[in-house]
PDB file of all heavy atoms in Angstrom:
ATOM      1  N   ARG A   1      80.153  93.822  73.932  1.00  0.00           N
ATOM      2  CA  ARG A   1      81.247  93.343  73.133  1.00  0.00           C
ATOM      3  C   ARG A   1      82.493  94.324  72.965  1.00  0.00           C
ATOM      4  O   ARG A   1      83.602  94.010  73.163  1.00  0.00           O
ATOM      5  CB  ARG A   1      80.664  92.957  71.734  1.00  0.00           C
ATOM      6  CG  ARG A   1      81.778  92.531  70.660  1.00  0.00           C
ATOM      7  CD  ARG A   1      81.229  92.191  69.383  1.00  0.00           C
ATOM      8  NE  ARG A   1      82.209  92.108  68.381  1.00  0.00           N
ATOM      9  CZ  ARG A   1      81.986  91.716  67.102  1.00  0.00           C
ATOM     10  NH1 ARG A   1      80.814  91.635  66.708  1.00  0.00           N
ATOM     11  NH2 ARG A   1      82.941  91.679  66.311  1.00  0.00           N
ATOM     12  N   GLU A   2      82.241  95.513  72.637  1.00  0.00           N
ATOM     13  CA  GLU A   2      83.208  96.490  72.381  1.00  0.00           C
ATOM     14  C   GLU A   2      84.074  96.750  73.681  1.00  0.00           C
ATOM     15  O   GLU A   2      85.262  96.826  73.672  1.00  0.00           O
ATOM     16  CB  GLU A   2      82.746  97.920  72.010  1.00  0.00           C
ATOM     17  CG  GLU A   2      82.185  97.764  70.539  1.00  0.00           C
ATOM     18  CD  GLU A   2      80.693  97.378  70.463  1.00  0.00           C
ATOM     19  OE1 GLU A   2      80.232  97.008  71.596  1.00  0.00           O
ATOM     20  OE2 GLU A   2      80.076  97.422  69.416  1.00  0.00           O
ATOM     21  N   GLU A   3      83.351  96.828  74.845  1.00  0.00           N
ATOM     22  CA  GLU A   3      83.929  97.041  76.182  1.00  0.00           C
ATOM     23  C   GLU A   3      84.754  95.905  76.515  1.00  0.00           C
ATOM     24  O   GLU A   3      85.938  96.126  77.022  1.00  0.00           O
ATOM     25  CB  GLU A   3      82.770  97.233  77.252  1.00  0.00           C
ATOM     26  CG  GLU A   3      83.323  97.849  78.445  1.00  0.00           C
ATOM     27  CD  GLU A   3      82.124  98.212  79.306  1.00  0.00           C
ATOM     28  OE1 GLU A   3      81.431  99.138  79.085  1.00  0.00           O
ATOM     29  OE2 GLU A   3      81.940  97.596  80.316  1.00  0.00           O
ATOM     30  N   ILE A   4      84.250  94.611  76.221  1.00  0.00           N
ATOM     31  CA  ILE A   4      85.124  93.463  76.574  1.00  0.00           C
ATOM     32  C   ILE A   4      86.377  93.314  75.756  1.00  0.00           C
ATOM     33  O   ILE A   4      87.425  93.072  76.284  1.00  0.00           O
ATOM     34  CB  ILE A   4      84.207  92.236  76.388  1.00  0.00           C
ATOM     35  CG1 ILE A   4      83.178  92.143  77.382  1.00  0.00           C
ATOM     36  CG2 ILE A   4      85.077  90.940  76.398  1.00  0.00           C
ATOM     37  CD1 ILE A   4      82.051  91.123  77.173  1.00  0.00           C
ATOM     38  N   LEU A   5      86.284  93.650  74.510  1.00  0.00           N
ATOM     39  CA  LEU A   5      87.453  93.528  73.623  1.00  0.00           C
ATOM     40  C   LEU A   5      88.467  94.646  73.960  1.00  0.00           C
ATOM     41  O   LEU A   5      89.724  94.492  73.938  1.00  0.00           O
ATOM     42  CB  LEU A   5      87.080  93.593  72.080  1.00  0.00           C
ATOM     43  CG  LEU A   5      86.201  92.396  71.514  1.00  0.00           C
ATOM     44  CD1 LEU A   5      85.886  92.573  70.074  1.00  0.00           C
ATOM     45  CD2 LEU A   5      86.862  91.057  71.878  1.00  0.00           C
ATOM     46  N   GLU A   6      88.005  95.890  74.285  1.00  0.00           N
ATOM     47  CA  GLU A   6      88.915  96.823  74.640  1.00  0.00           C
ATOM     48  C   GLU A   6      89.781  96.439  75.862  1.00  0.00           C
ATOM     49  O   GLU A   6      90.950  96.711  75.926  1.00  0.00           O
ATOM     50  CB  GLU A   6      88.181  98.236  74.860  1.00  0.00           C
ATOM     51  CG  GLU A   6      89.096  99.259  75.384  1.00  0.00           C
ATOM     52  CD  GLU A   6      88.297 100.589  75.651  1.00  0.00           C
ATOM     53  OE1 GLU A   6      87.648 100.625  76.835  1.00  0.00           O
ATOM     54  OE2 GLU A   6      88.198 101.484  74.840  1.00  0.00           O
ATOM     55  N   ARG A   7      88.964  95.908  76.796  1.00  0.00           N
ATOM     56  CA  ARG A   7      89.652  95.500  78.090  1.00  0.00           C
ATOM     57  C   ARG A   7      90.750  94.342  77.744  1.00  0.00           C
ATOM     58  O   ARG A   7      91.841  94.342  78.285  1.00  0.00           O
ATOM     59  CB  ARG A   7      88.574  94.982  79.093  1.00  0.00           C
ATOM     60  CG  ARG A   7      89.159  94.408  80.298  1.00  0.00           C
ATOM     61  CD  ARG A   7      89.735  95.389  81.272  1.00  0.00           C
ATOM     62  NE  ARG A   7      90.150  94.561  82.408  1.00  0.00           N
ATOM     63  CZ  ARG A   7      89.249  94.146  83.315  1.00  0.00           C
ATOM     64  NH1 ARG A   7      87.938  94.441  83.253  1.00  0.00           N
ATOM     65  NH2 ARG A   7      89.751  93.428  84.311  1.00  0.00           N
ATOM     66  N   VAL A   8      90.331  93.397  76.968  1.00  0.00           N
ATOM     67  CA  VAL A   8      91.272  92.306  76.626  1.00  0.00           C
ATOM     68  C   VAL A   8      92.499  92.819  75.976  1.00  0.00           C
ATOM     69  O   VAL A   8      93.731  92.440  76.267  1.00  0.00           O
ATOM     70  CB  VAL A   8      90.521  91.338  75.633  1.00  0.00           C
ATOM     71  CG1 VAL A   8      91.596  90.321  75.024  1.00  0.00           C
ATOM     72  CG2 VAL A   8      89.475  90.381  76.481  1.00  0.00           C
ATOM     73  N   GLU A   9      92.301  93.704  75.082  1.00  0.00           N
ATOM     74  CA  GLU A   9      93.466  94.354  74.286  1.00  0.00           C
ATOM     75  C   GLU A   9      94.380  95.105  75.236  1.00  0.00           C
ATOM     76  O   GLU A   9      95.577  94.916  75.185  1.00  0.00           O
ATOM     77  CB  GLU A   9      92.992  95.206  73.177  1.00  0.00           C
ATOM     78  CG  GLU A   9      94.197  95.814  72.272  1.00  0.00           C
ATOM     79  CD  GLU A   9      93.628  96.312  70.970  1.00  0.00           C
ATOM     80  OE1 GLU A   9      92.455  96.049  70.552  1.00  0.00           O
ATOM     81  OE2 GLU A   9      94.409  97.148  70.377  1.00  0.00           O
ATOM     82  N   ILE A  10      93.815  95.917  76.085  1.00  0.00           N
ATOM     83  CA  ILE A  10      94.654  96.676  77.132  1.00  0.00           C
ATOM     84  C   ILE A  10      95.483  95.693  77.996  1.00  0.00           C
ATOM     85  O   ILE A  10      96.615  95.782  78.275  1.00  0.00           O
ATOM     86  CB  ILE A  10      93.813  97.573  77.786  1.00  0.00           C
ATOM     87  CG1 ILE A  10      93.328  98.687  76.947  1.00  0.00           C
ATOM     88  CG2 ILE A  10      94.619  98.243  78.953  1.00  0.00           C
ATOM     89  CD1 ILE A  10      92.369  99.646  77.593  1.00  0.00           C
ATOM     90  N   ASP A  11      94.682  94.737  78.528  1.00  0.00           N
ATOM     91  CA  ASP A  11      95.393  93.678  79.460  1.00  0.00           C
ATOM     92  C   ASP A  11      96.461  93.004  78.824  1.00  0.00           C
ATOM     93  O   ASP A  11      97.439  92.796  79.547  1.00  0.00           O
ATOM     94  CB  ASP A  11      94.328  92.730  79.936  1.00  0.00           C
ATOM     95  CG  ASP A  11      93.319  93.315  81.120  1.00  0.00           C
ATOM     96  OD1 ASP A  11      93.634  94.418  81.439  1.00  0.00           O
ATOM     97  OD2 ASP A  11      92.400  92.553  81.445  1.00  0.00           O
ATOM     98  N   ILE A  12      96.417  92.656  77.513  1.00  0.00           N
ATOM     99  CA  ILE A  12      97.478  92.063  76.808  1.00  0.00           C
ATOM    100  C   ILE A  12      98.599  92.824  76.485  1.00  0.00           C
ATOM    101  O   ILE A  12      99.708  92.513  76.700  1.00  0.00           O
ATOM    102  CB  ILE A  12      96.823  91.213  75.651  1.00  0.00           C
ATOM    103  CG1 ILE A  12      95.974  90.033  76.078  1.00  0.00           C
ATOM    104  CG2 ILE A  12      98.017  90.519  74.826  1.00  0.00           C
ATOM    105  CD1 ILE A  12      95.196  89.366  74.937  1.00  0.00           C
ATOM    106  N   LYS A  13      98.263  93.983  75.819  1.00  0.00           N
ATOM    107  CA  LYS A  13      99.395  94.789  75.309  1.00  0.00           C
ATOM    108  C   LYS A  13     100.166  95.464  76.519  1.00  0.00           C
ATOM    109  O   LYS A  13     101.427  95.686  76.321  1.00  0.00           O
ATOM    110  CB  LYS A  13      98.708  95.975  74.555  1.00  0.00           C
ATOM    111  CG  LYS A  13      98.441  95.446  73.064  1.00  0.00           C
ATOM    112  CD  LYS A  13      97.961  96.634  72.277  1.00  0.00           C
ATOM    113  CE  LYS A  13      97.798  96.206  70.717  1.00  0.00           C
ATOM    114  NZ  LYS A  13      99.069  95.975  70.077  1.00  0.00           N
ATOM    115  N   TYR A  14      99.486  95.700  77.598  1.00  0.00           N
ATOM    116  CA  TYR A  14     100.196  96.378  78.742  1.00  0.00           C
ATOM    117  C   TYR A  14     100.430  95.521  79.928  1.00  0.00           C
ATOM    118  O   TYR A  14     100.626  96.022  81.023  1.00  0.00           O
ATOM    119  CB  TYR A  14      99.436  97.624  79.088  1.00  0.00           C
ATOM    120  CG  TYR A  14      99.249  98.699  78.097  1.00  0.00           C
ATOM    121  CD1 TYR A  14      98.281  98.585  77.068  1.00  0.00           C
ATOM    122  CD2 TYR A  14     100.181  99.745  77.942  1.00  0.00           C
ATOM    123  CE1 TYR A  14      98.177  99.572  76.070  1.00  0.00           C
ATOM    124  CE2 TYR A  14     100.095 100.683  76.997  1.00  0.00           C
ATOM    125  CZ  TYR A  14      99.104 100.581  75.974  1.00  0.00           C
ATOM    126  OH  TYR A  14      99.128 101.606  75.051  1.00  0.00           O
ATOM    127  N   ALA A  15     100.412  94.159  79.680  1.00  0.00           N
ATOM    128  CA  ALA A  15     100.548  93.192  80.764  1.00  0.00           C
ATOM    129  C   ALA A  15     101.896  93.405  81.579  1.00  0.00           C
ATOM    130  O   ALA A  15     101.812  93.389  82.770  1.00  0.00           O
ATOM    131  CB  ALA A  15     100.535  91.800  80.190  1.00  0.00           C
ATOM    132  N   GLY A  16     102.962  93.791  80.895  1.00  0.00           N
ATOM    133  CA  GLY A  16     104.234  93.977  81.573  1.00  0.00           C
ATOM    134  C   GLY A  16     104.202  95.253  82.557  1.00  0.00           C
ATOM    135  O   GLY A  16     104.532  95.192  83.772  1.00  0.00           O
ATOM    136  N   TYR A  17     103.607  96.360  82.028  1.00  0.00           N
ATOM    137  CA  TYR A  17     103.389  97.490  82.813  1.00  0.00           C
ATOM    138  C   TYR A  17     102.460  97.292  83.945  1.00  0.00           C
ATOM    139  O   TYR A  17     102.732  97.750  85.105  1.00  0.00           O
ATOM    140  CB  TYR A  17     102.985  98.669  81.987  1.00  0.00           C
ATOM    141  CG  TYR A  17     103.969  99.100  80.875  1.00  0.00           C
ATOM    142  CD1 TYR A  17     103.634  98.719  79.598  1.00  0.00           C
ATOM    143  CD2 TYR A  17     104.952  99.887  80.947  1.00  0.00           C
ATOM    144  CE1 TYR A  17     104.440  98.991  78.530  1.00  0.00           C
ATOM    145  CE2 TYR A  17     105.822 100.248  79.946  1.00  0.00           C
ATOM    146  CZ  TYR A  17     105.590  99.748  78.724  1.00  0.00           C
ATOM    147  OH  TYR A  17     106.389 100.083  77.635  1.00  0.00           O
ATOM    148  N   ILE A  18     101.378  96.681  83.770  1.00  0.00           N
ATOM    149  CA  ILE A  18     100.433  96.394  84.764  1.00  0.00           C
ATOM    150  C   ILE A  18     100.989  95.538  85.895  1.00  0.00           C
ATOM    151  O   ILE A  18     100.811  95.687  87.040  1.00  0.00           O
ATOM    152  CB  ILE A  18      99.214  95.754  84.162  1.00  0.00           C
ATOM    153  CG1 ILE A  18      98.492  96.687  83.325  1.00  0.00           C
ATOM    154  CG2 ILE A  18      98.275  95.170  85.180  1.00  0.00           C
ATOM    155  CD1 ILE A  18      97.304  96.029  82.411  1.00  0.00           C
ATOM    156  N   GLU A  19     101.820  94.420  85.572  1.00  0.00           N
ATOM    157  CA  GLU A  19     102.392  93.583  86.443  1.00  0.00           C
ATOM    158  C   GLU A  19     103.352  94.321  87.374  1.00  0.00           C
ATOM    159  O   GLU A  19     103.483  94.108  88.615  1.00  0.00           O
ATOM    160  CB  GLU A  19     102.983  92.352  85.918  1.00  0.00           C
ATOM    161  CG  GLU A  19     103.554  91.315  86.758  1.00  0.00           C
ATOM    162  CD  GLU A  19     102.598  90.826  87.843  1.00  0.00           C
ATOM    163  OE1 GLU A  19     101.363  90.757  87.442  1.00  0.00           O
ATOM    164  OE2 GLU A  19     103.065  90.516  88.950  1.00  0.00           O
ATOM    165  N   ARG A  20     104.098  95.202  86.660  1.00  0.00           N
ATOM    166  CA  ARG A  20     105.150  95.901  87.362  1.00  0.00           C
ATOM    167  C   ARG A  20     104.532  96.821  88.485  1.00  0.00           C
ATOM    168  O   ARG A  20     104.927  96.969  89.590  1.00  0.00           O
ATOM    169  CB  ARG A  20     106.026  96.745  86.435  1.00  0.00           C
ATOM    170  CG  ARG A  20     107.122  97.588  87.114  1.00  0.00           C
ATOM    171  CD  ARG A  20     108.115  98.103  86.155  1.00  0.00           C
ATOM    172  NE  ARG A  20     107.336  99.122  85.371  1.00  0.00           N
ATOM    173  CZ  ARG A  20     107.952  99.629  84.329  1.00  0.00           C
ATOM    174  NH1 ARG A  20     109.090  99.344  83.833  1.00  0.00           N
ATOM    175  NH2 ARG A  20     107.358 100.673  83.569  1.00  0.00           N
ATOM    176  N   GLU A  21     103.466  97.519  88.113  1.00  0.00           N
ATOM    177  CA  GLU A  21     102.713  98.475  88.956  1.00  0.00           C
ATOM    178  C   GLU A  21     102.093  97.719  90.164  1.00  0.00           C
ATOM    179  O   GLU A  21     102.001  98.073  91.221  1.00  0.00           O
ATOM    180  CB  GLU A  21     101.698  99.306  88.283  1.00  0.00           C
ATOM    181  CG  GLU A  21     102.308 100.579  87.681  1.00  0.00           C
ATOM    182  CD  GLU A  21     101.376 101.625  87.404  1.00  0.00           C
ATOM    183  OE1 GLU A  21     100.126 101.583  87.808  1.00  0.00           O
ATOM    184  OE2 GLU A  21     101.810 102.572  86.964  1.00  0.00           O
ATOM    185  N   LYS A  22     101.553  96.428  89.802  1.00  0.00           N
ATOM    186  CA  LYS A  22     100.938  95.622  90.808  1.00  0.00           C
ATOM    187  C   LYS A  22     102.085  95.262  91.909  1.00  0.00           C
ATOM    188  O   LYS A  22     101.786  95.358  93.137  1.00  0.00           O
ATOM    189  CB  LYS A  22     100.311  94.283  90.270  1.00  0.00           C
ATOM    190  CG  LYS A  22      99.049  94.475  89.690  1.00  0.00           C
ATOM    191  CD  LYS A  22      98.573  93.235  89.110  1.00  0.00           C
ATOM    192  CE  LYS A  22      97.209  93.406  88.449  1.00  0.00           C
ATOM    193  NZ  LYS A  22      96.672  92.121  87.962  1.00  0.00           N
ATOM    194  N   GLN A  23     103.248  94.939  91.472  1.00  0.00           N
ATOM    195  CA  GLN A  23     104.339  94.620  92.452  1.00  0.00           C
ATOM    196  C   GLN A  23     104.679  95.906  93.284  1.00  0.00           C
ATOM    197  O   GLN A  23     104.836  95.804  94.491  1.00  0.00           O
ATOM    198  CB  GLN A  23     105.546  94.158  91.680  1.00  0.00           C
ATOM    199  CG  GLN A  23     105.361  92.806  91.020  1.00  0.00           C
ATOM    200  CD  GLN A  23     106.506  92.338  90.183  1.00  0.00           C
ATOM    201  OE1 GLN A  23     107.499  93.092  90.082  1.00  0.00           O
ATOM    202  NE2 GLN A  23     106.395  91.269  89.401  1.00  0.00           N
ATOM    203  N   GLN A  24     104.709  97.134  92.608  1.00  0.00           N
ATOM    204  CA  GLN A  24     104.949  98.256  93.372  1.00  0.00           C
ATOM    205  C   GLN A  24     103.831  98.522  94.331  1.00  0.00           C
ATOM    206  O   GLN A  24     104.216  99.050  95.548  1.00  0.00           O
ATOM    207  CB  GLN A  24     105.083  99.338  92.432  1.00  0.00           C
ATOM    208  CG  GLN A  24     106.262  99.343  91.507  1.00  0.00           C
ATOM    209  CD  GLN A  24     106.415 100.474  90.416  1.00  0.00           C
ATOM    210  OE1 GLN A  24     105.361 101.070  90.213  1.00  0.00           O
ATOM    211  NE2 GLN A  24     107.456 100.564  89.757  1.00  0.00           N
ATOM    212  N   ALA A  25     102.661  98.396  93.916  1.00  0.00           N
ATOM    213  CA  ALA A  25     101.580  98.483  95.017  1.00  0.00           C
ATOM    214  C   ALA A  25     101.500  97.548  96.033  1.00  0.00           C
ATOM    215  O   ALA A  25     101.247  97.912  97.171  1.00  0.00           O
ATOM    216  CB  ALA A  25     100.196  98.400  94.107  1.00  0.00           C
ATOM    217  N   ASP A  26     101.885  96.310  95.775  1.00  0.00           N
ATOM    218  CA  ASP A  26     101.933  95.405  96.859  1.00  0.00           C
ATOM    219  C   ASP A  26     103.070  95.775  97.910  1.00  0.00           C
ATOM    220  O   ASP A  26     102.906  95.678  99.153  1.00  0.00           O
ATOM    221  CB  ASP A  26     102.404  94.007  96.334  1.00  0.00           C
ATOM    222  CG  ASP A  26     101.207  93.286  95.607  1.00  0.00           C
ATOM    223  OD1 ASP A  26     100.070  93.822  95.701  1.00  0.00           O
ATOM    224  OD2 ASP A  26     101.469  92.377  94.715  1.00  0.00           O
ATOM    225  N   ARG A  27     104.283  96.300  97.378  1.00  0.00           N
ATOM    226  CA  ARG A  27     105.244  96.778  98.346  1.00  0.00           C
ATOM    227  C   ARG A  27     104.794  97.922  99.197  1.00  0.00           C
ATOM    228  O   ARG A  27     105.135  98.001 100.358  1.00  0.00           O
ATOM    229  CB  ARG A  27     106.567  97.134  97.495  1.00  0.00           C
ATOM    230  CG  ARG A  27     107.260  95.915  96.985  1.00  0.00           C
ATOM    231  CD  ARG A  27     108.683  96.339  96.504  1.00  0.00           C
ATOM    232  NE  ARG A  27     108.668  97.253  95.391  1.00  0.00           N
ATOM    233  CZ  ARG A  27     108.731  96.934  94.115  1.00  0.00           C
ATOM    234  NH1 ARG A  27     108.765  95.586  93.828  1.00  0.00           N
ATOM    235  NH2 ARG A  27     108.685  97.817  93.123  1.00  0.00           N
ATOM    236  N   ALA A  28     104.095  98.785  98.561  1.00  0.00           N
ATOM    237  CA  ALA A  28     103.447 100.026  99.307  1.00  0.00           C
ATOM    238  C   ALA A  28     102.522  99.525 100.363  1.00  0.00           C
ATOM    239  O   ALA A  28     102.464 100.095 101.409  1.00  0.00           O
ATOM    240  CB  ALA A  28     102.785 100.932  98.201  1.00  0.00           C
ATOM    241  N   MET A  29     101.732  98.420  99.956  1.00  0.00           N
ATOM    242  CA  MET A  29     100.707  98.002 100.923  1.00  0.00           C
ATOM    243  C   MET A  29     101.351  97.398 102.227  1.00  0.00           C
ATOM    244  O   MET A  29     100.750  97.423 103.217  1.00  0.00           O
ATOM    245  CB  MET A  29      99.876  97.053 100.259  1.00  0.00           C
ATOM    246  CG  MET A  29      98.602  97.541  99.389  1.00  0.00           C
ATOM    247  SD  MET A  29      97.553  98.680 100.200  1.00  0.00           S
ATOM    248  CE  MET A  29      96.910  97.570 101.310  1.00  0.00           C
ATOM    249  N   ARG A  30     102.518  97.031 102.140  1.00  0.00           N
ATOM    250  CA  ARG A  30     103.174  96.535 103.392  1.00  0.00           C
ATOM    251  C   ARG A  30     103.287  97.601 104.480  1.00  0.00           C
ATOM    252  O   ARG A  30     103.107  97.317 105.702  1.00  0.00           O
ATOM    253  CB  ARG A  30     104.604  95.965 103.003  1.00  0.00           C
ATOM    254  CG  ARG A  30     104.578  94.755 102.173  1.00  0.00           C
ATOM    255  CD  ARG A  30     105.949  94.394 101.687  1.00  0.00           C
ATOM    256  NE  ARG A  30     105.979  93.494 100.480  1.00  0.00           N
ATOM    257  CZ  ARG A  30     107.012  93.132  99.739  1.00  0.00           C
ATOM    258  NH1 ARG A  30     108.171  93.858  99.981  1.00  0.00           N
ATOM    259  NH2 ARG A  30     106.952  92.323  98.709  1.00  0.00           N
ATOM    260  N   LEU A  31     103.593  98.729 104.080  1.00  0.00           N
ATOM    261  CA  LEU A  31     103.635  99.889 104.911  1.00  0.00           C
ATOM    262  C   LEU A  31     102.240 100.199 105.484  1.00  0.00           C
ATOM    263  O   LEU A  31     101.911 100.693 106.581  1.00  0.00           O
ATOM    264  CB  LEU A  31     104.172 101.124 104.441  1.00  0.00           C
ATOM    265  CG  LEU A  31     105.748 100.909 104.038  1.00  0.00           C
ATOM    266  CD1 LEU A  31     106.345 102.262 103.497  1.00  0.00           C
ATOM    267  CD2 LEU A  31     106.648 100.574 105.340  1.00  0.00           C
ATOM    268  N   GLU A  32     101.204 100.005 104.647  1.00  0.00           N
ATOM    269  CA  GLU A  32      99.830 100.320 105.059  1.00  0.00           C
ATOM    270  C   GLU A  32      99.375  99.318 106.087  1.00  0.00           C
ATOM    271  O   GLU A  32      98.407  99.641 106.846  1.00  0.00           O
ATOM    272  CB  GLU A  32      98.922 100.283 103.820  1.00  0.00           C
ATOM    273  CG  GLU A  32      99.238 101.320 102.735  1.00  0.00           C
ATOM    274  CD  GLU A  32      99.133 102.693 103.222  1.00  0.00           C
ATOM    275  OE1 GLU A  32      98.368 102.955 104.165  1.00  0.00           O
ATOM    276  OE2 GLU A  32      99.745 103.532 102.534  1.00  0.00           O
ATOM    277  N   SER A  33      99.941  98.196 106.157  1.00  0.00           N
ATOM    278  CA  SER A  33      99.497  97.090 107.020  1.00  0.00           C
ATOM    279  C   SER A  33      99.993  97.363 108.506  1.00  0.00           C
ATOM    280  O   SER A  33      99.581  96.658 109.450  1.00  0.00           O
ATOM    281  CB  SER A  33      99.949  95.792 106.544  1.00  0.00           C
ATOM    282  OG  SER A  33     101.373  95.605 106.623  1.00  0.00           O
ATOM    283  N   ILE A  34     100.976  98.288 108.665  1.00  0.00           N
ATOM    284  CA  ILE A  34     101.472  98.584 109.980  1.00  0.00           C
ATOM    285  C   ILE A  34     100.819  99.836 110.539  1.00  0.00           C
ATOM    286  O   ILE A  34     100.999 100.935 110.147  1.00  0.00           O
ATOM    287  CB  ILE A  34     102.980  98.873 109.890  1.00  0.00           C
ATOM    288  CG1 ILE A  34     103.831  97.682 109.254  1.00  0.00           C
ATOM    289  CG2 ILE A  34     103.655  99.122 111.236  1.00  0.00           C
ATOM    290  CD1 ILE A  34     105.284  98.062 108.961  1.00  0.00           C
ATOM    291  N   THR A  35      99.933  99.560 111.475  1.00  0.00           N
ATOM    292  CA  THR A  35      98.996 100.528 111.973  1.00  0.00           C
ATOM    293  C   THR A  35      99.690 101.322 113.135  1.00  0.00           C
ATOM    294  O   THR A  35     100.499 100.777 113.879  1.00  0.00           O
ATOM    295  CB  THR A  35      97.774  99.867 112.597  1.00  0.00           C
ATOM    296  OG1 THR A  35      98.103  98.958 113.660  1.00  0.00           O
ATOM    297  CG2 THR A  35      96.985  99.117 111.472  1.00  0.00           C
ATOM    298  N   LEU A  36      99.379 102.602 113.185  1.00  0.00           N
ATOM    299  CA  LEU A  36      99.794 103.556 114.239  1.00  0.00           C
ATOM    300  C   LEU A  36      98.814 103.879 115.170  1.00  0.00           C
ATOM    301  O   LEU A  36      98.940 103.747 116.437  1.00  0.00           O
ATOM    302  CB  LEU A  36     100.478 104.781 113.529  1.00  0.00           C
ATOM    303  CG  LEU A  36     101.826 104.526 112.756  1.00  0.00           C
ATOM    304  CD1 LEU A  36     102.051 105.796 112.009  1.00  0.00           C
ATOM    305  CD2 LEU A  36     102.927 104.220 113.643  1.00  0.00           C
ATOM    306  N   GLY A  37      97.638 104.306 114.637  1.00  0.00           N
ATOM    307  CA  GLY A  37      96.539 104.767 115.490  1.00  0.00           C
ATOM    308  C   GLY A  37      97.024 105.858 116.468  1.00  0.00           C
ATOM    309  O   GLY A  37      97.640 106.764 116.188  1.00  0.00           O
ATOM    310  N   ASN A  38      96.744 105.603 117.722  1.00  0.00           N
ATOM    311  CA  ASN A  38      97.147 106.597 118.807  1.00  0.00           C
ATOM    312  C   ASN A  38      98.221 105.878 119.889  1.00  0.00           C
ATOM    313  O   ASN A  38      98.308 106.304 120.917  1.00  0.00           O
ATOM    314  CB  ASN A  38      95.960 107.080 119.646  1.00  0.00           C
ATOM    315  CG  ASN A  38      94.998 107.924 118.769  1.00  0.00           C
ATOM    316  OD1 ASN A  38      95.411 108.758 118.131  1.00  0.00           O
ATOM    317  ND2 ASN A  38      93.768 107.598 118.888  1.00  0.00           N
TER     318      ASN A  38
END
């Protein structure tokens, strides 16, 4: 119960920050999808 409620509270209170970082992470992943290898 405590773990679930802590997670809910964080997800709601910090939703804006979390969404912004997800967008930044998605942009960074575009460069990870271009492989170089050898």
